[in-house]
C-alpha cells in the first residue's frame, strides 16, 4: 500500500513538473510584463487604499481602475515620453561620434595637455568610452519601443495584471499562504519584507535618483548643454553611486560649458548643481522614506541591479533588476531572522524587528 501511494505521488509530481515547464514556456513572453505589474502593484498600493477609503471600502474594481488611470497620467506617460527623448538624443550623440565630430574634443585636449607635461604617454580617449556607452543606452531604450504590436500587447498585459493585482491583492496573499509549505508566520513575513524592500528601492532610491535626474536635466537645458536628457539620465544613474553622486556628471558638464566658451552658463550650472540638484537628496529622502516602513539598501546594490537587469532582461531591466534584488534581499532577511536563528541553540529568542 505504501509503495502504491509512493508511486502515485511520484507520478503526480512528474505530471506536475511537466505542466509547470509547459506553463512557464506559455507565460515566458509575458514574464517581464508580469514582473513590472507586480512592482507597480506594490508601489501603487497606498494610492489604491486611498481610493478604497474614499469609496468606503466598496467597489474595489473601480478603485483599481482609478489608481491605474492616475498612475498613467502621473508616472507612465512622462516616463514613456522621457524614454523616447533619450532614444532620440542617444542616437544623435552616437551619430556625432560616428561622423568623427566630437563636441568634447576642445575641453578633452585642455585636460590632456597639462597632464602630458608629467605623463607624456597619457591619453584620454573619450570616444572609445562614450561610443559603446551611448550605443548601449540607445539599444536598450529602443527595446521598449521595439515594435508597435509587441509594445501594445505588453502594455495591455501590464494594465490587466496590475488591475487584478490591486483588486484581488488580499486574495492573492491568502492563496500564497494556503499553498506555501512554510509556516504562515514565515509566509506573512516574506510578503511583508518583499513589500517593504520594493517600496524602499522604488519609492526611495530610484524615485529620488529620478527626481535628481529631472532637476539636473532642467538645469542642463536652461544653461544650453547639448543633449540635456542624456546628461540627465547619466546624472540619475550617478545619483545611486555613494560618495560621488550627481557630481560625477555635473562637474564634467560644468567643465564642458566653461571650456567651450560659455563661462556664465558654466557658473550658473555650477550653482544649480550645488544648491538645487545636490541638495534635493537631503530634502526628499527623509520625507519619501518616511512615507512607509522600509529597509535600508545600499545604493550601489541598486545600481548593480539596474545595470544587470538591463543586461539580462533588456529595456525593461531597469525595473525588473531592482525587483529581483528586492525579492532576494527579502528572502535573505527571512533566512537570517527565522530559519537561521531558530536552528541556532545559542540564540535564546528570535530577533525582533
C-alpha atoms as a PDB file:
ATOM      1  CA  UNK A   1       0.000   0.000   0.000  1.00  0.00           C
ATOM      2  CA  UNK A   2       2.855   2.342   0.867  1.00  0.00           C
ATOM      3  CA  UNK A   3       4.599   1.524  -2.424  1.00  0.00           C
ATOM      4  CA  UNK A   4       1.383   2.212  -4.306  1.00  0.00           C
ATOM      5  CA  UNK A   5       0.987   5.567  -2.577  1.00  0.00           C
ATOM      6  CA  UNK A   6       4.634   6.405  -3.268  1.00  0.00           C
ATOM      7  CA  UNK A   7       4.250   5.595  -6.976  1.00  0.00           C
ATOM      8  CA  UNK A   8       1.112   7.686  -7.136  1.00  0.00           C
ATOM      9  CA  UNK A   9       2.939  10.632  -5.576  1.00  0.00           C
ATOM     10  CA  UNK A  10       5.876  10.207  -7.938  1.00  0.00           C
ATOM     11  CA  UNK A  11       3.561  10.044 -10.937  1.00  0.00           C
ATOM     12  CA  UNK A  12       1.690  13.136  -9.753  1.00  0.00           C
ATOM     13  CA  UNK A  13       4.874  15.182  -9.280  1.00  0.00           C
ATOM     14  CA  UNK A  14       6.172  14.111 -12.701  1.00  0.00           C
ATOM     15  CA  UNK A  15       2.943  15.347 -14.293  1.00  0.00           C
ATOM     16  CA  UNK A  16       3.060  18.498 -12.172  1.00  0.00           C
ATOM     17  CA  UNK A  17       6.663  19.126 -13.253  1.00  0.00           C
ATOM     18  CA  UNK A  18       5.771  18.725 -16.937  1.00  0.00           C
ATOM     19  CA  UNK A  19       2.753  21.027 -16.547  1.00  0.00           C
ATOM     20  CA  UNK A  20       4.900  23.596 -14.755  1.00  0.00           C
ATOM     21  CA  UNK A  21       7.508  23.597 -17.515  1.00  0.00           C
ATOM     22  CA  UNK A  22       4.815  23.961 -20.190  1.00  0.00           C
ATOM     23  CA  UNK A  23       3.126  26.738 -18.228  1.00  0.00           C
ATOM     24  CA  UNK A  24       6.462  28.516 -17.923  1.00  0.00           C
ATOM     25  CA  UNK A  25       7.013  28.490 -21.692  1.00  0.00           C
ATOM     26  CA  UNK A  26       3.444  29.673 -22.259  1.00  0.00           C
ATOM     27  CA  UNK A  27       3.943  32.613 -19.867  1.00  0.00           C
ATOM     28  CA  UNK A  28       7.578  33.264 -20.845  1.00  0.00           C
ATOM     29  CA  UNK A  29       6.824  36.022 -23.420  1.00  0.00           C
ATOM     30  CA  UNK A  30       4.963  37.976 -20.739  1.00  0.00           C
ATOM     31  CA  UNK A  31       7.138  37.359 -17.672  1.00  0.00           C
ATOM     32  CA  UNK A  32       8.741  40.796 -17.907  1.00  0.00           C
ATOM     33  CA  UNK A  33       5.323  42.449 -18.118  1.00  0.00           C
ATOM     34  CA  UNK A  34       4.021  40.465 -15.145  1.00  0.00           C
ATOM     35  CA  UNK A  35       7.052  41.347 -13.023  1.00  0.00           C
ATOM     36  CA  UNK A  36       6.647  45.027 -13.861  1.00  0.00           C
ATOM     37  CA  UNK A  37       2.951  44.818 -12.953  1.00  0.00           C
ATOM     38  CA  UNK A  38       3.923  43.278  -9.592  1.00  0.00           C
ATOM     39  CA  UNK A  39       6.305  46.144  -8.860  1.00  0.00           C
ATOM     40  CA  UNK A  40       3.689  48.744  -9.781  1.00  0.00           C
ATOM     41  CA  UNK A  41       1.090  46.936  -7.673  1.00  0.00           C
ATOM     42  CA  UNK A  42       3.272  47.229  -4.569  1.00  0.00           C
ATOM     43  CA  UNK A  43       4.247  50.857  -5.210  1.00  0.00           C
ATOM     44  CA  UNK A  44       0.677  51.937  -6.026  1.00  0.00           C
ATOM     45  CA  UNK A  45      -0.931  50.030  -3.156  1.00  0.00           C
ATOM     46  CA  UNK A  46      -1.188  53.134  -0.905  1.00  0.00           C
ATOM     47  CA  UNK A  47      -2.962  55.037  -3.680  1.00  0.00           C
ATOM     48  CA  UNK A  48      -5.356  52.121  -4.180  1.00  0.00           C
ATOM     49  CA  UNK A  49      -6.125  52.069  -0.444  1.00  0.00           C
ATOM     50  CA  UNK A  50      -6.811  55.812  -0.543  1.00  0.00           C
ATOM     51  CA  UNK A  51      -9.405  55.309  -3.275  1.00  0.00           C
ATOM     52  CA  UNK A  52     -10.890  52.422  -1.277  1.00  0.00           C
ATOM     53  CA  UNK A  53     -11.310  54.719   1.734  1.00  0.00           C
ATOM     54  CA  UNK A  54     -12.987  57.353  -0.425  1.00  0.00           C
ATOM     55  CA  UNK A  55     -15.462  54.712  -1.570  1.00  0.00           C
ATOM     56  CA  UNK A  56     -15.905  53.404   1.980  1.00  0.00           C
ATOM     57  CA  UNK A  57     -14.437  50.013   1.171  1.00  0.00           C
ATOM     58  CA  UNK A  58     -16.790  49.311  -1.724  1.00  0.00           C
ATOM     59  CA  UNK A  59     -16.162  48.866  -5.444  1.00  0.00           C
ATOM     60  CA  UNK A  60     -12.548  47.578  -5.375  1.00  0.00           C
ATOM     61  CA  UNK A  61     -12.581  47.273  -9.159  1.00  0.00           C
ATOM     62  CA  UNK A  62     -13.366  50.962  -9.622  1.00  0.00           C
ATOM     63  CA  UNK A  63     -10.672  51.869  -7.071  1.00  0.00           C
ATOM     64  CA  UNK A  64      -8.147  49.788  -9.025  1.00  0.00           C
ATOM     65  CA  UNK A  65      -9.223  51.449 -12.288  1.00  0.00           C
ATOM     66  CA  UNK A  66      -8.857  54.946 -10.828  1.00  0.00           C
ATOM     67  CA  UNK A  67      -5.426  54.000  -9.473  1.00  0.00           C
ATOM     68  CA  UNK A  68      -4.259  52.841 -12.902  1.00  0.00           C
ATOM     69  CA  UNK A  69      -5.623  55.973 -14.606  1.00  0.00           C
ATOM     70  CA  UNK A  70      -3.914  58.235 -12.059  1.00  0.00           C
ATOM     71  CA  UNK A  71      -0.608  56.344 -12.368  1.00  0.00           C
ATOM     72  CA  UNK A  72      -0.831  56.552 -16.160  1.00  0.00           C
ATOM     73  CA  UNK A  73      -1.201  60.324 -16.059  1.00  0.00           C
ATOM     74  CA  UNK A  74       1.414  60.950 -13.358  1.00  0.00           C
ATOM     75  CA  UNK A  75       4.013  58.225 -13.969  1.00  0.00           C
ATOM     76  CA  UNK A  76       3.697  56.141 -17.122  1.00  0.00           C
ATOM     77  CA  UNK A  77       3.113  58.839 -19.753  1.00  0.00           C
ATOM     78  CA  UNK A  78       6.007  61.066 -18.556  1.00  0.00           C
ATOM     79  CA  UNK A  79       8.316  58.037 -18.369  1.00  0.00           C
ATOM     80  CA  UNK A  80       7.411  56.961 -21.916  1.00  0.00           C
ATOM     81  CA  UNK A  81       7.990  60.491 -23.212  1.00  0.00           C
ATOM     82  CA  UNK A  82      11.302  60.647 -21.345  1.00  0.00           C
ATOM     83  CA  UNK A  83      12.488  57.315 -22.742  1.00  0.00           C
ATOM     84  CA  UNK A  84      11.533  58.353 -26.273  1.00  0.00           C
ATOM     85  CA  UNK A  85      13.559  61.541 -25.818  1.00  0.00           C
ATOM     86  CA  UNK A  86      16.518  59.528 -24.545  1.00  0.00           C
ATOM     87  CA  UNK A  87      16.324  57.337 -27.659  1.00  0.00           C
ATOM     88  CA  UNK A  88      16.446  60.404 -29.930  1.00  0.00           C
ATOM     89  CA  UNK A  89      19.318  62.086 -28.111  1.00  0.00           C
ATOM     90  CA  UNK A  90      21.382  58.905 -27.762  1.00  0.00           C
ATOM     91  CA  UNK A  91      21.037  58.260 -31.487  1.00  0.00           C
ATOM     92  CA  UNK A  92      22.064  61.849 -32.220  1.00  0.00           C
ATOM     93  CA  UNK A  93      25.073  61.575 -29.917  1.00  0.00           C
ATOM     94  CA  UNK A  94      26.106  58.245 -31.434  1.00  0.00           C
ATOM     95  CA  UNK A  95      25.837  59.743 -34.926  1.00  0.00           C
ATOM     96  CA  UNK A  96      28.044  62.616 -33.793  1.00  0.00           C
ATOM     97  CA  UNK A  97      30.748  60.181 -32.683  1.00  0.00           C
ATOM     98  CA  UNK A  98      30.262  58.119 -35.826  1.00  0.00           C
ATOM     99  CA  UNK A  99      30.875  61.128 -38.070  1.00  0.00           C
ATOM    100  CA  UNK A 100      34.134  61.812 -36.239  1.00  0.00           C
ATOM    101  CA  UNK A 101      32.961  65.159 -34.873  1.00  0.00           C
ATOM    102  CA  UNK A 102      33.364  65.150 -31.106  1.00  0.00           C
ATOM    103  CA  UNK A 103      31.935  68.084 -29.178  1.00  0.00           C
ATOM    104  CA  UNK A 104      34.160  67.044 -26.297  1.00  0.00           C
ATOM    105  CA  UNK A 105      37.452  67.421 -28.155  1.00  0.00           C
ATOM    106  CA  UNK A 106      38.101  71.013 -27.028  1.00  0.00           C
ATOM    107  CA  UNK A 107      37.995  70.505 -23.305  1.00  0.00           C
ATOM    108  CA  UNK A 108      39.471  66.989 -23.507  1.00  0.00           C
ATOM    109  CA  UNK A 109      42.590  68.480 -25.113  1.00  0.00           C
ATOM    110  CA  UNK A 110      42.781  71.100 -22.387  1.00  0.00           C
ATOM    111  CA  UNK A 111      42.653  68.370 -19.763  1.00  0.00           C
ATOM    112  CA  UNK A 112      45.243  66.236 -21.525  1.00  0.00           C
ATOM    113  CA  UNK A 113      47.852  68.961 -22.148  1.00  0.00           C
ATOM    114  CA  UNK A 114      48.803  69.752 -18.516  1.00  0.00           C
ATOM    115  CA  UNK A 115      48.801  66.038 -17.626  1.00  0.00           C
ATOM    116  CA  UNK A 116      51.068  65.209 -20.569  1.00  0.00           C
ATOM    117  CA  UNK A 117      53.708  67.550 -19.145  1.00  0.00           C
ATOM    118  CA  UNK A 118      54.213  64.999 -16.381  1.00  0.00           C
ATOM    119  CA  UNK A 119      52.981  61.827 -18.149  1.00  0.00           C
ATOM    120  CA  UNK A 120      53.762  62.164 -21.892  1.00  0.00           C
ATOM    121  CA  UNK A 121      52.029  58.907 -22.802  1.00  0.00           C
ATOM    122  CA  UNK A 122      48.715  59.918 -21.196  1.00  0.00           C
ATOM    123  CA  UNK A 123      45.700  59.946 -23.496  1.00  0.00           C
ATOM    124  CA  UNK A 124      42.038  60.265 -22.567  1.00  0.00           C
ATOM    125  CA  UNK A 125      40.130  58.666 -25.420  1.00  0.00           C
ATOM    126  CA  UNK A 126      36.606  59.864 -24.637  1.00  0.00           C
ATOM    127  CA  UNK A 127      35.224  58.447 -27.865  1.00  0.00           C
ATOM    128  CA  UNK A 128      36.218  54.865 -27.026  1.00  0.00           C
ATOM    129  CA  UNK A 129      34.377  55.217 -23.710  1.00  0.00           C
ATOM    130  CA  UNK A 130      31.321  57.163 -24.812  1.00  0.00           C
ATOM    131  CA  UNK A 131      30.588  55.346 -28.089  1.00  0.00           C
ATOM    132  CA  UNK A 132      29.785  51.886 -26.583  1.00  0.00           C
ATOM    133  CA  UNK A 133      28.006  53.506 -23.622  1.00  0.00           C
ATOM    134  CA  UNK A 134      25.721  55.597 -25.830  1.00  0.00           C
ATOM    135  CA  UNK A 135      25.117  52.602 -28.103  1.00  0.00           C
ATOM    136  CA  UNK A 136      24.121  50.537 -25.046  1.00  0.00           C
ATOM    137  CA  UNK A 137      21.657  53.211 -23.915  1.00  0.00           C
ATOM    138  CA  UNK A 138      20.183  53.594 -27.391  1.00  0.00           C
ATOM    139  CA  UNK A 139      19.812  49.842 -27.880  1.00  0.00           C
ATOM    140  CA  UNK A 140      18.094  49.109 -24.561  1.00  0.00           C
ATOM    141  CA  UNK A 141      15.931  52.214 -24.686  1.00  0.00           C
ATOM    142  CA  UNK A 142      14.800  51.258 -28.181  1.00  0.00           C
ATOM    143  CA  UNK A 143      13.907  47.763 -26.903  1.00  0.00           C
ATOM    144  CA  UNK A 144      10.957  49.288 -25.046  1.00  0.00           C
ATOM    145  CA  UNK A 145       9.562  50.525 -28.369  1.00  0.00           C
ATOM    146  CA  UNK A 146      10.765  47.553 -30.426  1.00  0.00           C
ATOM    147  CA  UNK A 147       7.545  47.104 -32.397  1.00  0.00           C
ATOM    148  CA  UNK A 148       4.188  48.791 -32.098  1.00  0.00           C
ATOM    149  CA  UNK A 149       2.319  45.483 -31.794  1.00  0.00           C
ATOM    150  CA  UNK A 150       4.531  43.970 -29.085  1.00  0.00           C
ATOM    151  CA  UNK A 151       4.536  47.253 -27.167  1.00  0.00           C
ATOM    152  CA  UNK A 152       0.746  47.409 -27.182  1.00  0.00           C
ATOM    153  CA  UNK A 153       0.442  43.764 -26.131  1.00  0.00           C
ATOM    154  CA  UNK A 154       2.926  44.167 -23.266  1.00  0.00           C
ATOM    155  CA  UNK A 155       1.265  47.383 -22.134  1.00  0.00           C
ATOM    156  CA  UNK A 156      -2.113  45.652 -22.184  1.00  0.00           C
ATOM    157  CA  UNK A 157      -0.758  42.723 -20.153  1.00  0.00           C
ATOM    158  CA  UNK A 158       0.756  45.124 -17.590  1.00  0.00           C
ATOM    159  CA  UNK A 159      -2.515  47.043 -17.209  1.00  0.00           C
ATOM    160  CA  UNK A 160      -4.674  43.914 -16.899  1.00  0.00           C
ATOM    161  CA  UNK A 161      -2.287  42.234 -14.456  1.00  0.00           C
ATOM    162  CA  UNK A 162      -1.986  45.437 -12.428  1.00  0.00           C
ATOM    163  CA  UNK A 163      -5.762  45.730 -12.240  1.00  0.00           C
ATOM    164  CA  UNK A 164      -6.218  42.234 -10.817  1.00  0.00           C
ATOM    165  CA  UNK A 165      -3.183  42.510  -8.517  1.00  0.00           C
ATOM    166  CA  UNK A 166      -4.671  45.653  -6.984  1.00  0.00           C
ATOM    167  CA  UNK A 167      -8.261  44.465  -6.840  1.00  0.00           C
ATOM    168  CA  UNK A 168      -7.519  40.923  -5.635  1.00  0.00           C
ATOM    169  CA  UNK A 169      -4.335  41.601  -3.680  1.00  0.00           C
ATOM    170  CA  UNK A 170      -5.689  40.213  -0.404  1.00  0.00           C
ATOM    171  CA  UNK A 171      -6.984  37.049  -2.097  1.00  0.00           C
ATOM    172  CA  UNK A 172      -3.607  36.512  -3.778  1.00  0.00           C
ATOM    173  CA  UNK A 173      -1.821  36.825  -0.422  1.00  0.00           C
ATOM    174  CA  UNK A 174      -4.245  34.310   1.094  1.00  0.00           C
ATOM    175  CA  UNK A 175      -3.711  31.926  -1.811  1.00  0.00           C
ATOM    176  CA  UNK A 176       0.071  32.162  -1.389  1.00  0.00           C
ATOM    177  CA  UNK A 177      -0.229  31.443   2.336  1.00  0.00           C
ATOM    178  CA  UNK A 178      -2.503  28.436   1.799  1.00  0.00           C
ATOM    179  CA  UNK A 179      -0.333  26.723  -0.810  1.00  0.00           C
ATOM    180  CA  UNK A 180       3.071  27.556   0.649  1.00  0.00           C
ATOM    181  CA  UNK A 181       4.644  24.718   2.686  1.00  0.00           C
ATOM    182  CA  UNK A 182       6.228  27.272   5.013  1.00  0.00           C
ATOM    183  CA  UNK A 183       4.571  28.299   8.307  1.00  0.00           C
ATOM    184  CA  UNK A 184       2.008  31.071   7.965  1.00  0.00           C
ATOM    185  CA  UNK A 185       4.223  33.349  10.062  1.00  0.00           C
ATOM    186  CA  UNK A 186       7.090  32.947   7.570  1.00  0.00           C
ATOM    187  CA  UNK A 187       4.770  33.480   4.592  1.00  0.00           C
ATOM    188  CA  UNK A 188       3.439  36.694   6.083  1.00  0.00           C
ATOM    189  CA  UNK A 189       6.953  37.875   6.871  1.00  0.00           C
ATOM    190  CA  UNK A 190       8.197  37.123   3.340  1.00  0.00           C
ATOM    191  CA  UNK A 191       5.328  39.102   1.784  1.00  0.00           C
ATOM    192  CA  UNK A 192       5.846  41.971   4.219  1.00  0.00           C
ATOM    193  CA  UNK A 193       9.597  42.112   3.603  1.00  0.00           C
ATOM    194  CA  UNK A 194       9.145  41.997  -0.177  1.00  0.00           C
ATOM    195  CA  UNK A 195       6.666  44.863   0.009  1.00  0.00           C
ATOM    196  CA  UNK A 196       8.921  46.898   2.313  1.00  0.00           C
ATOM    197  CA  UNK A 197      12.020  46.271   0.173  1.00  0.00           C
ATOM    198  CA  UNK A 198      10.266  47.152  -3.087  1.00  0.00           C
ATOM    199  CA  UNK A 199       8.981  50.377  -1.543  1.00  0.00           C
ATOM    200  CA  UNK A 200      12.470  51.241  -0.303  1.00  0.00           C
ATOM    201  CA  UNK A 201      14.003  50.601  -3.721  1.00  0.00           C
ATOM    202  CA  UNK A 202      11.368  52.151  -5.986  1.00  0.00           C
ATOM    203  CA  UNK A 203       9.858  54.870  -3.790  1.00  0.00           C
ATOM    204  CA  UNK A 204      13.161  55.600  -2.091  1.00  0.00           C
ATOM    205  CA  UNK A 205      16.406  55.338  -4.010  1.00  0.00           C
ATOM    206  CA  UNK A 206      15.065  55.113  -7.583  1.00  0.00           C
ATOM    207  CA  UNK A 207      12.456  57.860  -7.147  1.00  0.00           C
ATOM    208  CA  UNK A 208      14.961  60.243  -5.572  1.00  0.00           C
ATOM    209  CA  UNK A 209      17.541  59.493  -8.277  1.00  0.00           C
ATOM    210  CA  UNK A 210      14.849  60.019 -10.938  1.00  0.00           C
ATOM    211  CA  UNK A 211      13.874  63.389  -9.432  1.00  0.00           C
ATOM    212  CA  UNK A 212      17.534  64.436  -9.284  1.00  0.00           C
ATOM    213  CA  UNK A 213      17.892  63.459 -12.942  1.00  0.00           C
ATOM    214  CA  UNK A 214      14.831  65.532 -13.883  1.00  0.00           C
ATOM    215  CA  UNK A 215      16.069  68.576 -11.944  1.00  0.00           C
ATOM    216  CA  UNK A 216      19.540  68.221 -13.450  1.00  0.00           C
ATOM    217  CA  UNK A 217      18.001  67.963 -16.937  1.00  0.00           C
ATOM    218  CA  UNK A 218      16.131  71.225 -16.348  1.00  0.00           C
ATOM    219  CA  UNK A 219      19.432  72.888 -15.442  1.00  0.00           C
ATOM    220  CA  UNK A 220      21.246  71.352 -18.428  1.00  0.00           C
ATOM    221  CA  UNK A 221      18.502  72.561 -20.770  1.00  0.00           C
ATOM    222  CA  UNK A 222      18.336  76.071 -19.329  1.00  0.00           C
ATOM    223  CA  UNK A 223      22.103  76.606 -19.463  1.00  0.00           C
ATOM    224  CA  UNK A 224      22.458  75.269 -23.015  1.00  0.00           C
ATOM    225  CA  UNK A 225      24.162  71.897 -22.559  1.00  0.00           C
ATOM    226  CA  UNK A 226      23.753  69.705 -25.683  1.00  0.00           C
ATOM    227  CA  UNK A 227      21.688  66.507 -25.337  1.00  0.00           C
ATOM    228  CA  UNK A 228      20.405  67.519 -21.870  1.00  0.00           C
ATOM    229  CA  UNK A 229      18.144  64.477 -21.411  1.00  0.00           C
ATOM    230  CA  UNK A 230      21.059  62.118 -21.989  1.00  0.00           C
ATOM    231  CA  UNK A 231      23.136  64.039 -19.450  1.00  0.00           C
ATOM    232  CA  UNK A 232      20.174  63.902 -17.073  1.00  0.00           C
ATOM    233  CA  UNK A 233      19.933  60.124 -17.445  1.00  0.00           C
ATOM    234  CA  UNK A 234      23.621  59.817 -16.602  1.00  0.00           C
ATOM    235  CA  UNK A 235      23.084  62.098 -13.586  1.00  0.00           C
ATOM    236  CA  UNK A 236      20.210  59.942 -12.327  1.00  0.00           C
ATOM    237  CA  UNK A 237      22.420  56.848 -12.593  1.00  0.00           C
ATOM    238  CA  UNK A 238      25.309  58.645 -10.868  1.00  0.00           C
ATOM    239  CA  UNK A 239      22.966  59.614  -8.014  1.00  0.00           C
ATOM    240  CA  UNK A 240      22.970  55.951  -6.998  1.00  0.00           C
ATOM    241  CA  UNK A 241      26.744  55.882  -6.561  1.00  0.00           C
ATOM    242  CA  UNK A 242      27.543  56.537  -2.890  1.00  0.00           C
ATOM    243  CA  UNK A 243      30.057  59.228  -2.044  1.00  0.00           C
ATOM    244  CA  UNK A 244      30.129  60.693  -5.555  1.00  0.00           C
ATOM    245  CA  UNK A 245      26.533  61.120  -6.622  1.00  0.00           C
ATOM    246  CA  UNK A 246      25.432  63.713  -9.141  1.00  0.00           C
ATOM    247  CA  UNK A 247      28.809  65.484  -9.029  1.00  0.00           C
ATOM    248  CA  UNK A 248      30.220  62.680 -11.187  1.00  0.00           C
ATOM    249  CA  UNK A 249      28.242  64.074 -14.152  1.00  0.00           C
ATOM    250  CA  UNK A 250      27.621  67.638 -13.009  1.00  0.00           C
ATOM    251  CA  UNK A 251      31.301  68.608 -12.771  1.00  0.00           C
ATOM    252  CA  UNK A 252      32.198  67.414 -16.321  1.00  0.00           C
ATOM    253  CA  UNK A 253      29.106  69.255 -17.599  1.00  0.00           C
ATOM    254  CA  UNK A 254      30.298  72.490 -15.984  1.00  0.00           C
ATOM    255  CA  UNK A 255      33.824  71.965 -17.358  1.00  0.00           C
ATOM    256  CA  UNK A 256      32.404  71.342 -20.820  1.00  0.00           C
ATOM    257  CA  UNK A 257      30.470  74.621 -20.826  1.00  0.00           C
ATOM    258  CA  UNK A 258      33.458  76.560 -19.481  1.00  0.00           C
ATOM    259  CA  UNK A 259      35.992  75.178 -21.957  1.00  0.00           C
ATOM    260  CA  UNK A 260      33.658  75.774 -24.910  1.00  0.00           C
ATOM    261  CA  UNK A 261      33.433  79.488 -24.066  1.00  0.00           C
ATOM    262  CA  UNK A 262      30.154  79.575 -22.111  1.00  0.00           C
ATOM    263  CA  UNK A 263      31.573  80.981 -18.872  1.00  0.00           C
ATOM    264  CA  UNK A 264      28.374  82.435 -17.402  1.00  0.00           C
ATOM    265  CA  UNK A 265      26.390  79.315 -18.291  1.00  0.00           C
ATOM    266  CA  UNK A 266      29.061  77.201 -16.603  1.00  0.00           C
ATOM    267  CA  UNK A 267      28.849  79.348 -13.464  1.00  0.00           C
ATOM    268  CA  UNK A 268      25.055  79.188 -13.473  1.00  0.00           C
ATOM    269  CA  UNK A 269      25.068  75.414 -13.927  1.00  0.00           C
ATOM    270  CA  UNK A 270      27.591  75.045 -11.091  1.00  0.00           C
ATOM    271  CA  UNK A 271      25.319  76.989  -8.747  1.00  0.00           C
ATOM    272  CA  UNK A 272      22.322  74.916  -9.925  1.00  0.00           C
ATOM    273  CA  UNK A 273      24.175  71.654  -9.349  1.00  0.00           C
ATOM    274  CA  UNK A 274      25.358  72.588  -5.855  1.00  0.00           C
ATOM    275  CA  UNK A 275      22.268  74.253  -4.426  1.00  0.00           C
ATOM    276  CA  UNK A 276      19.428  72.507  -6.290  1.00  0.00           C
ATOM    277  CA  UNK A 277      20.384  69.108  -7.705  1.00  0.00           C
ATOM    278  CA  UNK A 278      22.898  68.256  -4.985  1.00  0.00           C
ATOM    279  CA  UNK A 279      20.690  69.165  -2.028  1.00  0.00           C
ATOM    280  CA  UNK A 280      17.442  67.587  -3.226  1.00  0.00           C
ATOM    281  CA  UNK A 281      18.561  64.230  -1.845  1.00  0.00           C
ATOM    282  CA  UNK A 282      18.841  65.618   1.682  1.00  0.00           C
ATOM    283  CA  UNK A 283      15.450  67.305   1.406  1.00  0.00           C
ATOM    284  CA  UNK A 284      13.449  64.471  -0.142  1.00  0.00           C
ATOM    285  CA  UNK A 285      14.977  61.333   1.384  1.00  0.00           C
ATOM    286  CA  UNK A 286      13.526  61.762   4.896  1.00  0.00           C
ATOM    287  CA  UNK A 287      10.063  62.589   3.544  1.00  0.00           C
ATOM    288  CA  UNK A 288       9.851  59.863   0.883  1.00  0.00           C
ATOM    289  CA  UNK A 289      11.393  57.130   3.013  1.00  0.00           C
ATOM    290  CA  UNK A 290       9.199  58.250   5.899  1.00  0.00           C
ATOM    291  CA  UNK A 291       6.029  57.647   3.888  1.00  0.00           C
ATOM    292  CA  UNK A 292       6.110  53.982   4.822  1.00  0.00           C
ATOM    293  CA  UNK A 293       8.095  51.346   6.598  1.00  0.00           C
ATOM    294  CA  UNK A 294      11.020  50.238   4.541  1.00  0.00           C
ATOM    295  CA  UNK A 295      14.514  48.846   4.772  1.00  0.00           C
ATOM    296  CA  UNK A 296      17.863  50.429   4.075  1.00  0.00           C
ATOM    297  CA  UNK A 297      19.511  49.160   0.891  1.00  0.00           C
ATOM    298  CA  UNK A 298      22.913  50.327  -0.248  1.00  0.00           C
ATOM    299  CA  UNK A 299      22.599  52.489  -3.398  1.00  0.00           C
ATOM    300  CA  UNK A 300      25.457  50.602  -5.054  1.00  0.00           C
ATOM    301  CA  UNK A 301      23.436  47.370  -4.919  1.00  0.00           C
ATOM    302  CA  UNK A 302      20.558  49.139  -6.632  1.00  0.00           C
ATOM    303  CA  UNK A 303      22.890  50.443  -9.339  1.00  0.00           C
ATOM    304  CA  UNK A 304      24.224  46.920  -9.940  1.00  0.00           C
ATOM    305  CA  UNK A 305      20.638  45.616 -10.066  1.00  0.00           C
ATOM    306  CA  UNK A 306      19.718  48.222 -12.702  1.00  0.00           C
ATOM    307  CA  UNK A 307      22.761  47.562 -14.894  1.00  0.00           C
ATOM    308  CA  UNK A 308      22.446  43.799 -14.504  1.00  0.00           C
ATOM    309  CA  UNK A 309      18.732  43.985 -15.232  1.00  0.00           C
ATOM    310  CA  UNK A 310      19.372  45.914 -18.440  1.00  0.00           C
ATOM    311  CA  UNK A 311      21.962  43.344 -19.492  1.00  0.00           C
ATOM    312  CA  UNK A 312      19.811  40.307 -18.729  1.00  0.00           C
ATOM    313  CA  UNK A 313      16.214  41.444 -19.278  1.00  0.00           C
ATOM    314  CA  UNK A 314      16.676  44.144 -21.916  1.00  0.00           C
ATOM    315  CA  UNK A 315      14.959  47.534 -21.987  1.00  0.00           C
ATOM    316  CA  UNK A 316      12.653  46.949 -19.017  1.00  0.00           C
ATOM    317  CA  UNK A 317      15.506  45.578 -16.915  1.00  0.00           C
ATOM    318  CA  UNK A 318      15.925  48.905 -15.124  1.00  0.00           C
ATOM    319  CA  UNK A 319      12.738  47.951 -13.243  1.00  0.00           C
ATOM    320  CA  UNK A 320      12.995  44.163 -13.189  1.00  0.00           C
ATOM    321  CA  UNK A 321      16.569  44.140 -11.845  1.00  0.00           C
ATOM    322  CA  UNK A 322      15.677  46.054  -8.650  1.00  0.00           C
ATOM    323  CA  UNK A 323      12.562  43.881  -8.306  1.00  0.00           C
ATOM    324  CA  UNK A 324      14.687  40.716  -8.343  1.00  0.00           C
ATOM    325  CA  UNK A 325      17.058  42.353  -5.847  1.00  0.00           C
ATOM    326  CA  UNK A 326      14.112  43.145  -3.563  1.00  0.00           C
ATOM    327  CA  UNK A 327      12.905  39.552  -3.649  1.00  0.00           C
ATOM    328  CA  UNK A 328      16.384  38.178  -2.960  1.00  0.00           C
ATOM    329  CA  UNK A 329      17.086  40.520  -0.035  1.00  0.00           C
ATOM    330  CA  UNK A 330      13.682  39.750   1.452  1.00  0.00           C
ATOM    331  CA  UNK A 331      14.393  36.017   1.440  1.00  0.00           C
ATOM    332  CA  UNK A 332      17.842  36.635   2.945  1.00  0.00           C
ATOM    333  CA  UNK A 333      16.231  38.603   5.776  1.00  0.00           C
ATOM    334  CA  UNK A 334      13.723  35.824   6.434  1.00  0.00           C
ATOM    335  CA  UNK A 335      16.508  33.235   6.452  1.00  0.00           C
ATOM    336  CA  UNK A 336      18.552  35.306   8.919  1.00  0.00           C
ATOM    337  CA  UNK A 337      15.752  36.233  11.304  1.00  0.00           C
ATOM    338  CA  UNK A 338      13.779  32.992  11.366  1.00  0.00           C
ATOM    339  CA  UNK A 339      15.389  29.932   9.860  1.00  0.00           C
ATOM    340  CA  UNK A 340      18.962  30.628  10.970  1.00  0.00           C
ATOM    341  CA  UNK A 341      18.068  31.865  14.466  1.00  0.00           C
ATOM    342  CA  UNK A 342      15.532  29.103  15.035  1.00  0.00           C
ATOM    343  CA  UNK A 343      18.208  26.492  14.323  1.00  0.00           C
ATOM    344  CA  UNK A 344      20.829  28.247  16.455  1.00  0.00           C
ATOM    345  CA  UNK A 345      20.528  26.943  20.013  1.00  0.00           C
ATOM    346  CA  UNK A 346      22.878  29.644  21.277  1.00  0.00           C
ATOM    347  CA  UNK A 347      20.299  32.331  20.437  1.00  0.00           C
ATOM    348  CA  UNK A 348      17.638  32.379  23.192  1.00  0.00           C
ATOM    349  CA  UNK A 349      14.984  34.329  21.312  1.00  0.00           C
ATOM    350  CA  UNK A 350      14.232  35.386  17.779  1.00  0.00           C
ATOM    351  CA  UNK A 351      15.347  38.768  16.683  1.00  0.00           C
ATOM    352  CA  UNK A 352      12.702  41.437  16.996  1.00  0.00           C
ATOM    353  CA  UNK A 353      12.074  43.862  14.183  1.00  0.00           C
END
